[in-house]
Amino acid sequence: MPIATPKQYEAMLDAAQKGSYAYPAINITSLSTINGALKAFADQKSDGIIQVSTGGGQFASGLAQNDMVLGAIVLAEACHRLAEKYDVLIALHTDHCQPGKVDSFLRPLIAETARRRKNGQENLFQSHMLDASELPLDENLALSKDLLKECAAQEIILEIEAGVVGGEEDGVDNHDTPAEKLYTTPEDMVTVCEELKGIGRYMFAATFGNVHGSYKPGHVKLRPEILKEGQEAVMAKYGKEAEFDLVFHGGSGTPMEQLRETLDYGVVKMNIDTDTQYAFTRPVVDHIMKNYDGVLKIDGEIGNKKAYDPRAYIKKGEAGVAARLAQACDDLESTGKTICGKV
């Protein structure tokens, strides 16, 4: 099945909202991570979201280019070709883009989709994320409105964020963020609704204490009830149709009961990056340590080509990604709920 069309993507989000489940959104950086993601979604009969960050794009473009737009396009094009072999719906998304990179990352990718549409092709990406949480809310929403208009013209969904996700991801360090900024207020959620209502479809990453990275239990103080209170405030004023499609960032290590609780409050997308990074690296390290004399030419020996051939350990990393993402589908209750062939 090719990558989801804009209408199919909207149907995916509608189905998740109605069914109280969410899609894992995995950050990819290579063919191996793409293939691991596609295998997991297909094995679980789950639709899903594959996403590229600015850093992921830079990495994929190679050391000589270091071009985040070029790398993002290459990865997205690969997804379009590879996804044709699977019977699930996959949406392509770009992750956190700060205001300073809007003109050098988001707008060139929106322009690439516009070029493709003019030539009769499908969208390159189905959604993009603007992370303008570093700005005061009024400035954040002013930029969000401008970009939402641009995205809506190309049938692209925009993800926005109000409140700050703590920790560090892809070079953005929010470790020193004051605690109160980690929690989006119901008043802010109403303001977001009022400012963006009627412009185009969007997803909203409201924050409730979430932190990027992996932490021991008890370190992160999540308050999922914030999402419930915000949704209730919005729907009390504007009706059921104003309910947000919410996004959960920084979910590594979240207790299952809290994770599932967010699904009842409108979370339809949950980013998974830290856990799948580890799932890729862990079997690679295992291979290296168990085949130390084979992967290295020690004391004048010749090593073992079968051990140091990169395919020997990268395929293990791919399998690790697939296994961890399959678990995420189970955790988010998207397993077995593909709408492929129904829309």
C-alpha atoms as a PDB file:
ATOM      1  CA  MET A   1       0.000   0.000   0.000  1.00  0.00           C
ATOM      2  CA  PRO A   2       1.465   3.412  -0.865  1.00  0.00           C
ATOM      3  CA  ILE A   3       1.906   6.053   1.825  1.00  0.00           C
ATOM      4  CA  ALA A   4      -1.462   7.318   3.113  1.00  0.00           C
ATOM      5  CA  THR A   5      -3.194  10.038   1.156  1.00  0.00           C
ATOM      6  CA  PRO A   6      -4.263  13.169   3.064  1.00  0.00           C
ATOM      7  CA  LYS A   7      -7.823  11.809   3.305  1.00  0.00           C
ATOM      8  CA  GLN A   8      -6.599   8.420   4.531  1.00  0.00           C
ATOM      9  CA  TYR A   9      -4.437  10.122   7.147  1.00  0.00           C
ATOM     10  CA  GLU A  10      -7.418  12.097   8.406  1.00  0.00           C
ATOM     11  CA  ALA A  11      -9.383   8.848   8.563  1.00  0.00           C
ATOM     12  CA  MET A  12      -6.548   7.264  10.581  1.00  0.00           C
ATOM     13  CA  LEU A  13      -6.693  10.059  13.152  1.00  0.00           C
ATOM     14  CA  ASP A  14     -10.493   9.944  13.274  1.00  0.00           C
ATOM     15  CA  ALA A  15     -10.415   6.178  13.870  1.00  0.00           C
ATOM     16  CA  ALA A  16      -7.877   6.525  16.681  1.00  0.00           C
ATOM     17  CA  GLN A  17      -9.883   9.292  18.332  1.00  0.00           C
ATOM     18  CA  LYS A  18     -13.107   7.306  18.102  1.00  0.00           C
ATOM     19  CA  GLY A  19     -11.482   4.046  19.227  1.00  0.00           C
ATOM     20  CA  SER A  20      -9.348   5.519  22.059  1.00  0.00           C
ATOM     21  CA  TYR A  21      -6.027   4.299  20.724  1.00  0.00           C
ATOM     22  CA  ALA A  22      -2.918   6.026  19.388  1.00  0.00           C
ATOM     23  CA  TYR A  23      -0.327   5.516  16.688  1.00  0.00           C
ATOM     24  CA  PRO A  24       3.337   5.098  17.543  1.00  0.00           C
ATOM     25  CA  ALA A  25       5.332   7.758  15.666  1.00  0.00           C
ATOM     26  CA  ILE A  26       8.884   6.516  15.211  1.00  0.00           C
ATOM     27  CA  ASN A  27      11.845   8.704  14.274  1.00  0.00           C
ATOM     28  CA  ILE A  28      13.897   7.150  11.488  1.00  0.00           C
ATOM     29  CA  THR A  29      17.376   7.969  10.196  1.00  0.00           C
ATOM     30  CA  SER A  30      18.211   5.230   7.680  1.00  0.00           C
ATOM     31  CA  LEU A  31      16.888   2.456   5.454  1.00  0.00           C
ATOM     32  CA  SER A  32      17.375   0.026   8.321  1.00  0.00           C
ATOM     33  CA  THR A  33      15.209   2.000  10.723  1.00  0.00           C
ATOM     34  CA  ILE A  34      12.575   2.500   8.006  1.00  0.00           C
ATOM     35  CA  ASN A  35      12.480  -1.229   7.313  1.00  0.00           C
ATOM     36  CA  GLY A  36      12.286  -2.056  11.010  1.00  0.00           C
ATOM     37  CA  ALA A  37       9.362   0.326  11.407  1.00  0.00           C
ATOM     38  CA  LEU A  38       7.473  -1.014   8.385  1.00  0.00           C
ATOM     39  CA  LYS A  39       7.963  -4.606   9.536  1.00  0.00           C
ATOM     40  CA  ALA A  40       6.606  -3.803  12.990  1.00  0.00           C
ATOM     41  CA  PHE A  41       3.502  -2.024  11.732  1.00  0.00           C
ATOM     42  CA  ALA A  42       2.784  -4.787   9.212  1.00  0.00           C
ATOM     43  CA  ASP A  43       3.375  -7.586  11.737  1.00  0.00           C
ATOM     44  CA  GLN A  44       1.000  -5.909  14.193  1.00  0.00           C
ATOM     45  CA  LYS A  45      -1.564  -5.021  11.511  1.00  0.00           C
ATOM     46  CA  SER A  46      -1.336  -1.464  12.780  1.00  0.00           C
ATOM     47  CA  ASP A  47      -1.264   1.743  10.805  1.00  0.00           C
ATOM     48  CA  GLY A  48       1.467   4.089  11.934  1.00  0.00           C
ATOM     49  CA  ILE A  49       3.501   7.257  11.597  1.00  0.00           C
ATOM     50  CA  ILE A  50       7.124   7.481  10.480  1.00  0.00           C
ATOM     51  CA  GLN A  51       8.843  10.776  11.155  1.00  0.00           C
ATOM     52  CA  VAL A  52      12.070  12.639  10.407  1.00  0.00           C
ATOM     53  CA  SER A  53      13.735  15.259  12.590  1.00  0.00           C
ATOM     54  CA  THR A  54      16.072  18.022  11.431  1.00  0.00           C
ATOM     55  CA  GLY A  55      18.989  16.054  12.863  1.00  0.00           C
ATOM     56  CA  GLY A  56      17.754  12.859  11.251  1.00  0.00           C
ATOM     57  CA  GLY A  57      17.645  14.632   7.904  1.00  0.00           C
ATOM     58  CA  GLN A  58      21.171  15.949   8.340  1.00  0.00           C
ATOM     59  CA  PHE A  59      22.432  12.487   9.222  1.00  0.00           C
ATOM     60  CA  ALA A  60      20.720  10.824   6.281  1.00  0.00           C
ATOM     61  CA  SER A  61      22.188  13.319   3.799  1.00  0.00           C
ATOM     62  CA  GLY A  62      25.731  12.184   4.679  1.00  0.00           C
ATOM     63  CA  LEU A  63      28.739  13.848   6.251  1.00  0.00           C
ATOM     64  CA  ALA A  64      29.652  15.672   3.050  1.00  0.00           C
ATOM     65  CA  GLN A  65      26.247  17.345   2.679  1.00  0.00           C
ATOM     66  CA  ASN A  66      24.849  17.773   6.218  1.00  0.00           C
ATOM     67  CA  ASP A  67      21.617  18.977   4.580  1.00  0.00           C
ATOM     68  CA  MET A  68      18.507  18.429   6.676  1.00  0.00           C
ATOM     69  CA  VAL A  69      16.071  19.087   3.816  1.00  0.00           C
ATOM     70  CA  LEU A  70      17.876  16.837   1.346  1.00  0.00           C
ATOM     71  CA  GLY A  71      18.106  14.033   3.905  1.00  0.00           C
ATOM     72  CA  ALA A  72      14.437  14.374   4.868  1.00  0.00           C
ATOM     73  CA  ILE A  73      13.400  14.167   1.209  1.00  0.00           C
ATOM     74  CA  VAL A  74      15.600  11.114   0.600  1.00  0.00           C
ATOM     75  CA  LEU A  75      14.164   9.305   3.635  1.00  0.00           C
ATOM     76  CA  ALA A  76      10.598  10.213   2.694  1.00  0.00           C
ATOM     77  CA  GLU A  77      11.083   9.059  -0.896  1.00  0.00           C
ATOM     78  CA  ALA A  78      12.466   5.741   0.379  1.00  0.00           C
ATOM     79  CA  CYS A  79       9.410   5.339   2.602  1.00  0.00           C
ATOM     80  CA  HIS A  80       7.104   5.955  -0.355  1.00  0.00           C
ATOM     81  CA  ARG A  81       8.769   3.156  -2.332  1.00  0.00           C
ATOM     82  CA  LEU A  82       9.147   0.646   0.484  1.00  0.00           C
ATOM     83  CA  ALA A  83       5.667   1.158   1.945  1.00  0.00           C
ATOM     84  CA  GLU A  84       4.131  -0.071  -1.316  1.00  0.00           C
ATOM     85  CA  LYS A  85       5.036  -3.623  -0.238  1.00  0.00           C
ATOM     86  CA  TYR A  86       3.002  -3.533   2.981  1.00  0.00           C
ATOM     87  CA  ASP A  87      -0.729  -3.745   3.694  1.00  0.00           C
ATOM     88  CA  VAL A  88      -0.972  -1.020   6.315  1.00  0.00           C
ATOM     89  CA  LEU A  89      -1.321   2.750   6.093  1.00  0.00           C
ATOM     90  CA  ILE A  90       1.750   4.827   6.910  1.00  0.00           C
ATOM     91  CA  ALA A  91       1.810   8.611   7.315  1.00  0.00           C
ATOM     92  CA  LEU A  92       5.027  10.619   7.027  1.00  0.00           C
ATOM     93  CA  HIS A  93       5.691  13.435   9.484  1.00  0.00           C
ATOM     94  CA  THR A  94       8.520  15.764  10.444  1.00  0.00           C
ATOM     95  CA  ASP A  95       9.355  16.132  14.130  1.00  0.00           C
ATOM     96  CA  HIS A  96      10.285  19.186  16.258  1.00  0.00           C
ATOM     97  CA  CYS A  97      11.125  22.203  14.116  1.00  0.00           C
ATOM     98  CA  GLN A  98      11.958  25.325  16.093  1.00  0.00           C
ATOM     99  CA  PRO A  99      11.065  28.806  14.786  1.00  0.00           C
ATOM    100  CA  GLY A 100      14.638  29.480  13.687  1.00  0.00           C
ATOM    101  CA  LYS A 101      14.495  26.527  11.273  1.00  0.00           C
ATOM    102  CA  VAL A 102      11.061  27.127   9.770  1.00  0.00           C
ATOM    103  CA  ASP A 103      12.417  28.852   6.667  1.00  0.00           C
ATOM    104  CA  SER A 104      15.305  26.417   6.226  1.00  0.00           C
ATOM    105  CA  PHE A 105      13.423  23.171   6.939  1.00  0.00           C
ATOM    106  CA  LEU A 106       9.623  23.296   7.081  1.00  0.00           C
ATOM    107  CA  ARG A 107       8.897  25.714   4.254  1.00  0.00           C
ATOM    108  CA  PRO A 108      11.223  23.978   1.752  1.00  0.00           C
ATOM    109  CA  LEU A 109       9.482  20.670   2.531  1.00  0.00           C
ATOM    110  CA  ILE A 110       6.029  22.240   2.139  1.00  0.00           C
ATOM    111  CA  ALA A 111       7.241  23.654  -1.181  1.00  0.00           C
ATOM    112  CA  GLU A 112       8.405  20.180  -2.246  1.00  0.00           C
ATOM    113  CA  THR A 113       4.927  18.793  -1.568  1.00  0.00           C
ATOM    114  CA  ALA A 114       3.409  21.676  -3.557  1.00  0.00           C
ATOM    115  CA  ARG A 115       5.735  20.830  -6.465  1.00  0.00           C
ATOM    116  CA  ARG A 116       4.749  17.170  -6.326  1.00  0.00           C
ATOM    117  CA  ARG A 117       1.035  17.976  -6.224  1.00  0.00           C
ATOM    118  CA  LYS A 118       1.414  20.219  -9.254  1.00  0.00           C
ATOM    119  CA  ASN A 119       2.904  17.236 -11.088  1.00  0.00           C
ATOM    120  CA  GLY A 120       0.035  14.964 -10.066  1.00  0.00           C
ATOM    121  CA  GLN A 121       1.960  13.176  -7.280  1.00  0.00           C
ATOM    122  CA  GLU A 122       0.906  12.582  -3.694  1.00  0.00           C
ATOM    123  CA  ASN A 123       2.181  14.691  -0.792  1.00  0.00           C
ATOM    124  CA  LEU A 124       5.779  14.007   0.244  1.00  0.00           C
ATOM    125  CA  PHE A 125       4.871  14.405   3.937  1.00  0.00           C
ATOM    126  CA  GLN A 126       1.358  14.268   5.352  1.00  0.00           C
ATOM    127  CA  SER A 127       2.109  16.340   8.452  1.00  0.00           C
ATOM    128  CA  HIS A 128       4.777  18.582   9.926  1.00  0.00           C
ATOM    129  CA  MET A 129       5.518  19.726  13.463  1.00  0.00           C
ATOM    130  CA  LEU A 130       6.181  23.309  14.438  1.00  0.00           C
ATOM    131  CA  ASP A 131       7.675  23.425  17.917  1.00  0.00           C
ATOM    132  CA  ALA A 132       7.395  27.104  18.802  1.00  0.00           C
ATOM    133  CA  SER A 133       7.065  26.400  22.519  1.00  0.00           C
ATOM    134  CA  GLU A 134      10.137  28.572  23.158  1.00  0.00           C
ATOM    135  CA  LEU A 135       8.039  31.622  22.226  1.00  0.00           C
ATOM    136  CA  PRO A 136       5.372  33.387  24.299  1.00  0.00           C
ATOM    137  CA  LEU A 137       2.002  31.832  23.471  1.00  0.00           C
ATOM    138  CA  ASP A 138       0.768  34.772  21.381  1.00  0.00           C
ATOM    139  CA  GLU A 139       3.894  34.682  19.193  1.00  0.00           C
ATOM    140  CA  ASN A 140       3.740  30.893  19.029  1.00  0.00           C
ATOM    141  CA  LEU A 141       0.144  31.007  17.776  1.00  0.00           C
ATOM    142  CA  ALA A 142       0.815  33.812  15.297  1.00  0.00           C
ATOM    143  CA  LEU A 143       3.492  31.667  13.644  1.00  0.00           C
ATOM    144  CA  SER A 144       1.299  28.572  13.952  1.00  0.00           C
ATOM    145  CA  LYS A 145      -1.561  30.343  12.146  1.00  0.00           C
ATOM    146  CA  ASP A 146       0.682  31.372   9.262  1.00  0.00           C
ATOM    147  CA  LEU A 147       2.080  27.873   8.848  1.00  0.00           C
ATOM    148  CA  LEU A 148      -1.304  26.206   9.279  1.00  0.00           C
ATOM    149  CA  LYS A 149      -2.648  28.259   6.362  1.00  0.00           C
ATOM    150  CA  GLU A 150       0.323  27.168   4.214  1.00  0.00           C
ATOM    151  CA  CYS A 151      -0.117  23.538   5.235  1.00  0.00           C
ATOM    152  CA  ALA A 152      -3.889  23.519   4.745  1.00  0.00           C
ATOM    153  CA  ALA A 153      -3.432  24.733   1.160  1.00  0.00           C
ATOM    154  CA  GLN A 154      -1.492  21.511   0.469  1.00  0.00           C
ATOM    155  CA  GLU A 155      -3.703  19.185   2.587  1.00  0.00           C
ATOM    156  CA  ILE A 156      -0.941  18.887   5.182  1.00  0.00           C
ATOM    157  CA  ILE A 157      -1.742  18.555   8.889  1.00  0.00           C
ATOM    158  CA  LEU A 158       0.301  20.753  11.228  1.00  0.00           C
ATOM    159  CA  GLU A 159       1.332  19.649  14.699  1.00  0.00           C
ATOM    160  CA  ILE A 160       1.913  22.450  17.188  1.00  0.00           C
ATOM    161  CA  GLU A 161       3.146  22.563  20.772  1.00  0.00           C
ATOM    162  CA  ALA A 162       2.249  24.836  23.676  1.00  0.00           C
ATOM    163  CA  GLY A 163       4.106  24.233  26.898  1.00  0.00           C
ATOM    164  CA  VAL A 164       7.593  22.735  26.937  1.00  0.00           C
ATOM    165  CA  VAL A 165       8.647  19.078  26.856  1.00  0.00           C
ATOM    166  CA  GLY A 166      11.589  18.795  29.234  1.00  0.00           C
ATOM    167  CA  GLY A 167      14.861  16.942  28.749  1.00  0.00           C
ATOM    168  CA  GLU A 168      16.915  16.870  25.537  1.00  0.00           C
ATOM    169  CA  GLU A 169      16.168  15.634  22.045  1.00  0.00           C
ATOM    170  CA  ASP A 170      17.970  16.128  18.754  1.00  0.00           C
ATOM    171  CA  GLY A 171      20.210  18.867  20.149  1.00  0.00           C
ATOM    172  CA  VAL A 172      17.432  20.870  21.828  1.00  0.00           C
ATOM    173  CA  ASP A 173      18.095  20.990  25.556  1.00  0.00           C
ATOM    174  CA  ASN A 174      15.212  21.854  27.899  1.00  0.00           C
ATOM    175  CA  HIS A 175      16.694  20.446  31.097  1.00  0.00           C
ATOM    176  CA  ASP A 176      16.579  23.833  32.822  1.00  0.00           C
ATOM    177  CA  THR A 177      12.963  24.607  31.950  1.00  0.00           C
ATOM    178  CA  PRO A 178      11.008  25.855  34.993  1.00  0.00           C
ATOM    179  CA  ALA A 179       8.622  23.158  36.226  1.00  0.00           C
ATOM    180  CA  GLU A 180       5.480  25.237  35.649  1.00  0.00           C
ATOM    181  CA  LYS A 181       6.250  25.486  31.912  1.00  0.00           C
ATOM    182  CA  LEU A 182       6.069  21.672  31.619  1.00  0.00           C
ATOM    183  CA  TYR A 183       2.291  21.823  32.115  1.00  0.00           C
ATOM    184  CA  THR A 184      -0.115  23.360  29.585  1.00  0.00           C
ATOM    185  CA  THR A 185      -3.060  25.034  31.311  1.00  0.00           C
ATOM    186  CA  PRO A 186      -6.731  24.601  30.321  1.00  0.00           C
ATOM    187  CA  GLU A 187      -6.793  28.334  29.604  1.00  0.00           C
ATOM    188  CA  ASP A 188      -3.919  27.953  27.142  1.00  0.00           C
ATOM    189  CA  MET A 189      -5.699  25.040  25.468  1.00  0.00           C
ATOM    190  CA  VAL A 190      -8.819  27.155  24.994  1.00  0.00           C
ATOM    191  CA  THR A 191      -6.691  29.937  23.529  1.00  0.00           C
ATOM    192  CA  VAL A 192      -5.089  27.517  21.073  1.00  0.00           C
ATOM    193  CA  CYS A 193      -8.534  26.370  19.947  1.00  0.00           C
ATOM    194  CA  GLU A 194      -9.810  29.929  19.536  1.00  0.00           C
ATOM    195  CA  GLU A 195      -6.820  31.079  17.505  1.00  0.00           C
ATOM    196  CA  LEU A 196      -6.564  28.082  15.152  1.00  0.00           C
ATOM    197  CA  LYS A 197     -10.231  27.127  14.799  1.00  0.00           C
ATOM    198  CA  GLY A 198     -11.378  26.840  11.185  1.00  0.00           C
ATOM    199  CA  ILE A 199      -8.013  27.358   9.493  1.00  0.00           C
ATOM    200  CA  GLY A 200      -7.084  23.745   8.859  1.00  0.00           C
ATOM    201  CA  ARG A 201      -6.588  20.431  10.614  1.00  0.00           C
ATOM    202  CA  TYR A 202      -3.895  20.278  13.254  1.00  0.00           C
ATOM    203  CA  MET A 203      -2.612  18.129  16.096  1.00  0.00           C
ATOM    204  CA  PHE A 204      -1.699  19.570  19.460  1.00  0.00           C
ATOM    205  CA  ALA A 205       1.207  18.540  21.681  1.00  0.00           C
ATOM    206  CA  ALA A 206      -0.067  19.814  25.018  1.00  0.00           C
ATOM    207  CA  THR A 207       2.403  19.149  27.813  1.00  0.00           C
ATOM    208  CA  PHE A 208       1.623  17.520  31.133  1.00  0.00           C
ATOM    209  CA  GLY A 209       5.072  17.069  32.679  1.00  0.00           C
ATOM    210  CA  ASN A 210       6.510  14.938  29.874  1.00  0.00           C
ATOM    211  CA  VAL A 211      10.289  14.819  29.414  1.00  0.00           C
ATOM    212  CA  HIS A 212      12.361  13.605  26.479  1.00  0.00           C
ATOM    213  CA  GLY A 213      14.792  10.798  27.242  1.00  0.00           C
ATOM    214  CA  SER A 214      14.756   7.741  29.481  1.00  0.00           C
ATOM    215  CA  TYR A 215      14.472   8.017  33.248  1.00  0.00           C
ATOM    216  CA  LYS A 216      14.016   5.760  36.226  1.00  0.00           C
ATOM    217  CA  PRO A 217      10.487   5.452  37.668  1.00  0.00           C
ATOM    218  CA  GLY A 218       9.507   8.426  39.811  1.00  0.00           C
ATOM    219  CA  HIS A 219      11.816  10.933  38.136  1.00  0.00           C
ATOM    220  CA  VAL A 220       9.177  12.343  35.791  1.00  0.00           C
ATOM    221  CA  LYS A 221       5.984  13.752  37.335  1.00  0.00           C
ATOM    222  CA  LEU A 222       3.272  13.230  34.728  1.00  0.00           C
ATOM    223  CA  ARG A 223      -0.191  14.710  35.230  1.00  0.00           C
ATOM    224  CA  PRO A 224      -2.401  13.234  32.480  1.00  0.00           C
ATOM    225  CA  GLU A 225      -5.468  14.811  34.071  1.00  0.00           C
ATOM    226  CA  ILE A 226      -4.282  18.115  32.567  1.00  0.00           C
ATOM    227  CA  LEU A 227      -5.247  16.776  29.139  1.00  0.00           C
ATOM    228  CA  LYS A 228      -8.703  15.837  30.411  1.00  0.00           C
ATOM    229  CA  GLU A 229      -9.255  19.228  32.014  1.00  0.00           C
ATOM    230  CA  GLY A 230      -8.109  21.050  28.878  1.00  0.00           C
ATOM    231  CA  GLN A 231     -10.291  18.989  26.560  1.00  0.00           C
ATOM    232  CA  GLU A 232     -13.299  19.517  28.825  1.00  0.00           C
ATOM    233  CA  ALA A 233     -12.722  23.279  28.883  1.00  0.00           C
ATOM    234  CA  VAL A 234     -12.504  23.455  25.096  1.00  0.00           C
ATOM    235  CA  MET A 235     -15.542  21.254  24.454  1.00  0.00           C
ATOM    236  CA  ALA A 236     -17.612  23.085  27.063  1.00  0.00           C
ATOM    237  CA  LYS A 237     -17.107  26.267  25.064  1.00  0.00           C
ATOM    238  CA  TYR A 238     -17.051  25.006  21.481  1.00  0.00           C
ATOM    239  CA  GLY A 239     -18.665  21.566  21.475  1.00  0.00           C
ATOM    240  CA  LYS A 240     -17.507  18.014  20.820  1.00  0.00           C
ATOM    241  CA  GLU A 241     -16.231  18.884  17.345  1.00  0.00           C
ATOM    242  CA  ALA A 242     -13.529  21.061  18.953  1.00  0.00           C
ATOM    243  CA  GLU A 243     -11.896  18.075  20.690  1.00  0.00           C
ATOM    244  CA  PHE A 244      -8.142  18.093  20.107  1.00  0.00           C
ATOM    245  CA  ASP A 245      -6.132  15.377  18.382  1.00  0.00           C
ATOM    246  CA  LEU A 246      -3.435  15.275  21.065  1.00  0.00           C
ATOM    247  CA  VAL A 247       0.198  14.161  20.797  1.00  0.00           C
ATOM    248  CA  PHE A 248       2.255  12.608  23.593  1.00  0.00           C
ATOM    249  CA  HIS A 249       5.961  13.508  23.528  1.00  0.00           C
ATOM    250  CA  GLY A 250       8.562  12.242  25.994  1.00  0.00           C
ATOM    251  CA  GLY A 251       6.779   9.024  26.889  1.00  0.00           C
ATOM    252  CA  SER A 252       9.748   6.719  27.549  1.00  0.00           C
ATOM    253  CA  GLY A 253       9.311   4.880  30.836  1.00  0.00           C
ATOM    254  CA  THR A 254       5.717   6.038  31.361  1.00  0.00           C
ATOM    255  CA  PRO A 255       3.798   3.627  33.631  1.00  0.00           C
ATOM    256  CA  MET A 256       1.264   1.677  31.580  1.00  0.00           C
ATOM    257  CA  GLU A 257      -1.731   2.962  33.516  1.00  0.00           C
ATOM    258  CA  GLN A 258      -0.775   6.581  32.805  1.00  0.00           C
ATOM    259  CA  LEU A 259      -0.018   5.850  29.165  1.00  0.00           C
ATOM    260  CA  ARG A 260      -3.411   4.216  28.670  1.00  0.00           C
ATOM    261  CA  GLU A 261      -5.104   7.034  30.595  1.00  0.00           C
ATOM    262  CA  THR A 262      -3.928   9.561  27.992  1.00  0.00           C
ATOM    263  CA  LEU A 263      -5.692   7.560  25.266  1.00  0.00           C
ATOM    264  CA  ASP A 264      -9.007   8.271  26.957  1.00  0.00           C
ATOM    265  CA  TYR A 265      -8.243  11.996  26.855  1.00  0.00           C
ATOM    266  CA  GLY A 266      -7.689  12.260  23.092  1.00  0.00           C
ATOM    267  CA  VAL A 267      -4.044  11.283  22.487  1.00  0.00           C
ATOM    268  CA  VAL A 268      -3.882   9.828  18.966  1.00  0.00           C
ATOM    269  CA  LYS A 269      -0.114   9.985  18.373  1.00  0.00           C
ATOM    270  CA  MET A 270       2.787   9.120  20.667  1.00  0.00           C
ATOM    271  CA  ASN A 271       6.381   9.755  19.681  1.00  0.00           C
ATOM    272  CA  ILE A 272       8.822   6.922  20.208  1.00  0.00           C
ATOM    273  CA  ASP A 273      12.486   7.706  19.670  1.00  0.00           C
ATOM    274  CA  THR A 274      14.632   7.087  22.748  1.00  0.00           C
ATOM    275  CA  ASP A 275      13.384   3.526  23.215  1.00  0.00           C
ATOM    276  CA  THR A 276      13.858   2.552  19.576  1.00  0.00           C
ATOM    277  CA  GLN A 277      17.327   4.110  19.515  1.00  0.00           C
ATOM    278  CA  TYR A 278      18.279   1.819  22.384  1.00  0.00           C
ATOM    279  CA  ALA A 279      16.503  -1.122  20.753  1.00  0.00           C
ATOM    280  CA  PHE A 280      18.707  -0.655  17.681  1.00  0.00           C
ATOM    281  CA  THR A 281      21.980  -0.182  19.542  1.00  0.00           C
ATOM    282  CA  ARG A 282      21.590  -2.938  22.155  1.00  0.00           C
ATOM    283  CA  PRO A 283      21.849  -5.925  19.751  1.00  0.00           C
ATOM    284  CA  VAL A 284      24.640  -4.211  17.829  1.00  0.00           C
ATOM    285  CA  VAL A 285      26.706  -3.903  21.012  1.00  0.00           C
ATOM    286  CA  ASP A 286      25.867  -7.502  21.877  1.00  0.00           C
ATOM    287  CA  HIS A 287      27.185  -8.620  18.487  1.00  0.00           C
ATOM    288  CA  ILE A 288      30.406  -6.622  18.864  1.00  0.00           C
ATOM    289  CA  MET A 289      31.124  -7.902  22.365  1.00  0.00           C
ATOM    290  CA  LYS A 290      30.414 -11.526  21.515  1.00  0.00           C
ATOM    291  CA  ASN A 291      32.508 -11.354  18.340  1.00  0.00           C
ATOM    292  CA  TYR A 292      35.301  -9.116  19.574  1.00  0.00           C
ATOM    293  CA  ASP A 293      38.110 -11.112  17.967  1.00  0.00           C
ATOM    294  CA  GLY A 294      36.137 -11.325  14.736  1.00  0.00           C
ATOM    295  CA  VAL A 295      35.190  -7.681  14.271  1.00  0.00           C
ATOM    296  CA  LEU A 296      38.721  -6.478  15.089  1.00  0.00           C
ATOM    297  CA  LYS A 297      42.024  -7.529  13.578  1.00  0.00           C
ATOM    298  CA  ILE A 298      43.822  -8.146  16.858  1.00  0.00           C
ATOM    299  CA  ASP A 299      47.530  -8.888  17.222  1.00  0.00           C
ATOM    300  CA  GLY A 300      48.101  -9.236  13.531  1.00  0.00           C
ATOM    301  CA  GLU A 301      45.183 -11.597  12.934  1.00  0.00           C
ATOM    302  CA  ILE A 302      42.729 -11.180  10.063  1.00  0.00           C
ATOM    303  CA  GLY A 303      39.415 -11.079  11.946  1.00  0.00           C
ATOM    304  CA  ASN A 304      36.225 -12.620  10.601  1.00  0.00           C
ATOM    305  CA  LYS A 305      34.631 -10.966   7.594  1.00  0.00           C
ATOM    306  CA  LYS A 306      31.244 -12.446   8.454  1.00  0.00           C
ATOM    307  CA  ALA A 307      31.457 -10.752  11.851  1.00  0.00           C
ATOM    308  CA  TYR A 308      32.631  -7.305  10.754  1.00  0.00           C
ATOM    309  CA  ASP A 309      30.443  -7.060   7.643  1.00  0.00           C
ATOM    310  CA  PRO A 310      28.105  -4.179   8.698  1.00  0.00           C
ATOM    311  CA  ARG A 311      25.124  -6.181   7.492  1.00  0.00           C
ATOM    312  CA  ALA A 312      25.824  -8.771  10.188  1.00  0.00           C
ATOM    313  CA  TYR A 313      24.989  -6.377  13.018  1.00  0.00           C
ATOM    314  CA  ILE A 314      22.827  -3.718  11.345  1.00  0.00           C
ATOM    315  CA  LYS A 315      20.177  -6.316  10.535  1.00  0.00           C
ATOM    316  CA  LYS A 316      20.120  -7.163  14.247  1.00  0.00           C
ATOM    317  CA  GLY A 317      19.547  -3.503  15.013  1.00  0.00           C
ATOM    318  CA  GLU A 318      16.695  -3.455  12.510  1.00  0.00           C
ATOM    319  CA  ALA A 319      15.128  -6.468  14.210  1.00  0.00           C
ATOM    320  CA  GLY A 320      15.487  -4.739  17.576  1.00  0.00           C
ATOM    321  CA  VAL A 321      13.626  -1.671  16.294  1.00  0.00           C
ATOM    322  CA  ALA A 322      10.858  -3.859  14.887  1.00  0.00           C
ATOM    323  CA  ALA A 323      10.424  -5.702  18.181  1.00  0.00           C
ATOM    324  CA  ARG A 324      10.298  -2.529  20.295  1.00  0.00           C
ATOM    325  CA  LEU A 325       7.897  -0.766  17.942  1.00  0.00           C
ATOM    326  CA  ALA A 326       5.631  -3.820  17.911  1.00  0.00           C
ATOM    327  CA  GLN A 327       5.463  -3.522  21.697  1.00  0.00           C
ATOM    328  CA  ALA A 328       4.528   0.157  21.296  1.00  0.00           C
ATOM    329  CA  CYS A 329       1.627  -0.812  19.011  1.00  0.00           C
ATOM    330  CA  ASP A 330       0.395  -3.198  21.709  1.00  0.00           C
ATOM    331  CA  ASP A 331       0.849  -0.601  24.457  1.00  0.00           C
ATOM    332  CA  LEU A 332      -1.053   2.072  22.500  1.00  0.00           C
ATOM    333  CA  GLU A 333      -3.718  -0.443  21.461  1.00  0.00           C
ATOM    334  CA  SER A 334      -3.323   0.167  17.715  1.00  0.00           C
ATOM    335  CA  THR A 335      -2.499  -3.508  17.061  1.00  0.00           C
ATOM    336  CA  GLY A 336      -4.974  -5.177  14.706  1.00  0.00           C
ATOM    337  CA  LYS A 337      -6.775  -1.918  13.919  1.00  0.00           C
ATOM    338  CA  THR A 338      -5.456  -1.010  10.479  1.00  0.00           C
ATOM    339  CA  ILE A 339      -8.016   0.728   8.280  1.00  0.00           C
ATOM    340  CA  CYS A 340      -6.039  -0.133   5.154  1.00  0.00           C
ATOM    341  CA  GLY A 341      -8.471  -1.115   2.406  1.00  0.00           C
ATOM    342  CA  LYS A 342     -11.411   0.482   4.229  1.00  0.00           C
ATOM    343  CA  VAL A 343     -10.836   4.098   3.147  1.00  0.00           C
END
